Protein backbone atom coordinates (compact mmCIF):
# COMPACT_ATOMS: atom_id res chain seq x y z
CA MET A 1 44.19 -20.91 -8.36
CA THR A 2 44.22 -19.97 -11.70
CA LEU A 3 46.33 -18.09 -13.80
CA THR A 4 44.34 -15.67 -14.29
CA GLN A 5 43.14 -15.04 -10.49
CA LEU A 6 46.98 -15.42 -9.60
CA GLN A 7 48.37 -12.36 -12.22
CA GLU A 8 45.04 -10.25 -10.56
CA LEU A 9 46.83 -11.20 -7.27
CA ILE A 10 50.16 -10.06 -8.83
CA ARG A 11 48.93 -7.25 -10.09
CA THR A 12 47.29 -6.39 -7.12
CA MET A 13 50.22 -6.64 -4.99
CA TYR A 14 52.58 -5.67 -6.74
CA SER A 15 51.78 -3.54 -9.82
CA SER A 16 53.64 -0.28 -9.16
CA LYS A 17 57.02 -1.70 -8.38
CA ASP A 18 55.93 -3.74 -12.00
CA GLU A 19 55.53 -1.13 -14.17
CA ALA A 20 58.24 0.75 -12.90
CA ARG A 21 60.38 -2.69 -13.41
CA GLY A 22 59.20 -2.76 -16.76
CA VAL A 23 59.25 -6.07 -18.65
CA ASP A 24 63.13 -5.77 -19.77
CA GLY A 25 63.55 -5.78 -15.75
CA THR A 26 61.17 -8.28 -15.47
CA PHE A 27 62.76 -10.50 -17.84
CA MET A 28 65.99 -9.73 -16.31
CA TRP A 29 64.72 -11.42 -12.81
CA LEU A 30 62.62 -14.24 -14.57
CA MET A 31 65.71 -15.49 -16.17
CA GLU A 32 67.77 -15.44 -12.58
CA GLU A 33 64.58 -16.61 -11.53
CA VAL A 34 65.12 -19.68 -14.07
CA GLY A 35 69.02 -20.08 -13.58
CA GLU A 36 67.70 -21.34 -9.78
CA LEU A 37 65.32 -23.32 -11.30
CA ALA A 38 68.42 -24.79 -13.08
CA ALA A 39 70.71 -25.50 -10.77
CA SER A 40 67.25 -27.09 -8.03
CA LEU A 41 66.48 -28.80 -10.70
CA ARG A 42 70.75 -29.80 -10.37
CA GLU A 43 71.37 -29.83 -6.95
CA GLY A 44 68.25 -29.34 -5.00
CA THR A 45 65.63 -30.37 -2.72
CA PRO A 46 62.66 -31.66 -3.42
CA GLU A 47 61.02 -28.68 -1.06
CA GLU A 48 63.84 -26.10 -3.20
CA GLN A 49 62.74 -27.06 -6.55
CA ALA A 50 58.75 -26.90 -5.45
CA ALA A 51 60.02 -22.91 -4.62
CA GLU A 52 62.24 -22.69 -7.31
CA PHE A 53 59.36 -23.45 -9.47
CA ALA A 54 57.21 -21.14 -7.43
CA ASP A 55 58.84 -18.54 -8.14
CA VAL A 56 59.41 -18.82 -11.68
CA LEU A 57 55.35 -19.18 -12.33
CA ALA A 58 55.55 -15.82 -10.24
CA TRP A 59 58.17 -13.90 -12.45
CA LEU A 60 55.89 -15.55 -15.81
CA ALA A 61 52.79 -14.08 -14.50
CA THR A 62 54.53 -10.52 -13.97
CA ILE A 63 55.78 -10.02 -17.18
CA ALA A 64 53.20 -11.36 -18.99
CA ASN A 65 50.76 -8.34 -16.83
CA VAL A 66 54.13 -5.94 -16.68
CA ALA A 67 53.78 -6.35 -21.12
CA GLY A 68 49.56 -6.30 -21.58
């Protein structure tokens, strides 16, 4: 899957929620996920780390969509 495909998938599934949340709210969610990634890198299992990397990537694609 390309990044463009990921953005389109997220846009298709969540665009109304994402637009309602806006850039500021989406940024806060992204920062929360980055914090969870940091914690998993310090203490988590490889599976937890993979899940947190995926969450950060998804929220990064989301904020790119919302920001235009």
